[in-house]
Amino acid sequence: MPKEIDGKTFHEAHEVEDPLTEEQKAETLALVAEFDRIRDAIPPDQLRHLPDKYGDEDRLGTSKEAEYLAEVERRKERGEYWG
């Protein structure tokens, strides 16, 4: 049964109408492994924080938007916000 979390609907794997083939799954896992290999090769002194637009902003437009924006302001005050 689909589950709604913060205005977004999530389905169980068996509920998907057009599931990935084993070949598609293997290709996706190979792409992720290649990404991990490249990411792990970056020296620690060259790492940087990804802006919030790569995940955290999913809460905008939901019931948790005010909580998210307040947390952003707290992080800015601490110098921990790069968005």
Protein backbone atom coordinates (compact mmCIF):
# COMPACT_ATOMS: atom_id res chain seq x y z
CA MET A 1 0.00 0.00 0.00
CA PRO A 2 1.43 3.43 -0.91
CA LYS A 3 2.66 5.53 1.98
CA GLU A 4 2.51 9.33 2.03
CA ILE A 5 5.33 11.15 3.80
CA ASP A 6 5.53 14.95 3.78
CA GLY A 7 3.25 15.21 0.76
CA LYS A 8 5.17 12.65 -1.31
CA THR A 9 3.87 9.16 -2.16
CA PHE A 10 6.12 6.13 -1.80
CA HIS A 11 5.33 2.65 -3.13
CA GLU A 12 6.65 -0.75 -2.13
CA ALA A 13 8.75 -2.52 -4.77
CA HIS A 14 5.97 -5.02 -5.53
CA GLU A 15 3.52 -2.16 -6.23
CA VAL A 16 5.53 -0.67 -9.09
CA GLU A 17 3.77 -1.17 -12.42
CA ASP A 18 6.92 -1.22 -14.56
CA PRO A 19 9.76 -2.66 -12.45
CA LEU A 20 13.38 -2.59 -13.61
CA THR A 21 14.79 -5.64 -15.36
CA GLU A 22 17.78 -7.43 -13.85
CA GLU A 23 19.91 -5.91 -16.63
CA GLN A 24 18.74 -2.38 -15.75
CA LYS A 25 19.42 -3.01 -12.06
CA ALA A 26 22.94 -4.25 -12.83
CA GLU A 27 23.63 -1.23 -15.05
CA THR A 28 22.41 1.14 -12.35
CA LEU A 29 24.54 -0.54 -9.69
CA ALA A 30 27.58 -0.32 -12.00
CA LEU A 31 26.98 3.42 -12.47
CA VAL A 32 26.72 3.92 -8.71
CA ALA A 33 29.92 1.94 -8.15
CA GLU A 34 31.73 4.10 -10.72
CA PHE A 35 30.46 7.26 -9.03
CA ASP A 36 31.63 5.95 -5.64
CA ARG A 37 35.06 5.12 -7.10
CA ILE A 38 35.46 8.65 -8.49
CA ARG A 39 34.15 10.28 -5.31
CA ASP A 40 36.41 8.22 -3.07
CA ALA A 41 39.46 9.23 -5.16
CA ILE A 42 39.02 12.92 -4.25
CA PRO A 43 41.57 14.03 -1.64
CA PRO A 44 39.97 15.11 1.66
CA ASP A 45 41.29 18.67 1.31
CA GLN A 46 39.35 19.06 -1.96
CA LEU A 47 35.98 17.82 -0.66
CA ARG A 48 33.13 20.31 -0.45
CA HIS A 49 29.62 20.27 0.92
CA LEU A 50 26.85 19.91 -1.64
CA PRO A 51 24.27 22.70 -1.51
CA ASP A 52 20.93 21.82 0.04
CA LYS A 53 19.31 21.85 -3.38
CA TYR A 54 20.67 18.30 -3.68
CA GLY A 55 18.29 16.86 -1.13
CA ASP A 56 17.19 18.99 1.80
CA GLU A 57 14.97 21.29 -0.25
CA ASP A 58 12.60 18.35 -0.70
CA ARG A 59 10.87 19.65 2.41
CA LEU A 60 9.88 22.92 0.74
CA GLY A 61 6.16 23.02 0.03
CA THR A 62 5.40 20.43 2.71
CA SER A 63 4.22 20.67 6.30
CA LYS A 64 7.90 20.65 7.38
CA GLU A 65 8.91 23.74 5.37
CA ALA A 66 8.97 26.12 8.36
CA GLU A 67 11.07 23.65 10.36
CA TYR A 68 13.50 23.31 7.44
CA LEU A 69 13.86 27.09 6.95
CA ALA A 70 14.46 27.59 10.68
CA GLU A 71 17.18 24.93 10.61
CA VAL A 72 18.80 26.66 7.60
CA GLU A 73 18.95 29.92 9.57
CA ARG A 74 20.55 28.15 12.56
CA ARG A 75 23.13 26.56 10.26
CA LYS A 76 23.90 29.94 8.66
CA GLU A 77 24.55 31.41 12.11
CA ARG A 78 26.96 28.56 12.86
CA GLY A 79 28.68 28.98 9.49
CA GLU A 80 27.59 25.52 8.37
CA TYR A 81 25.36 26.48 5.45
CA TRP A 82 26.74 26.48 1.91
CA GLY A 83 23.46 26.59 -0.08
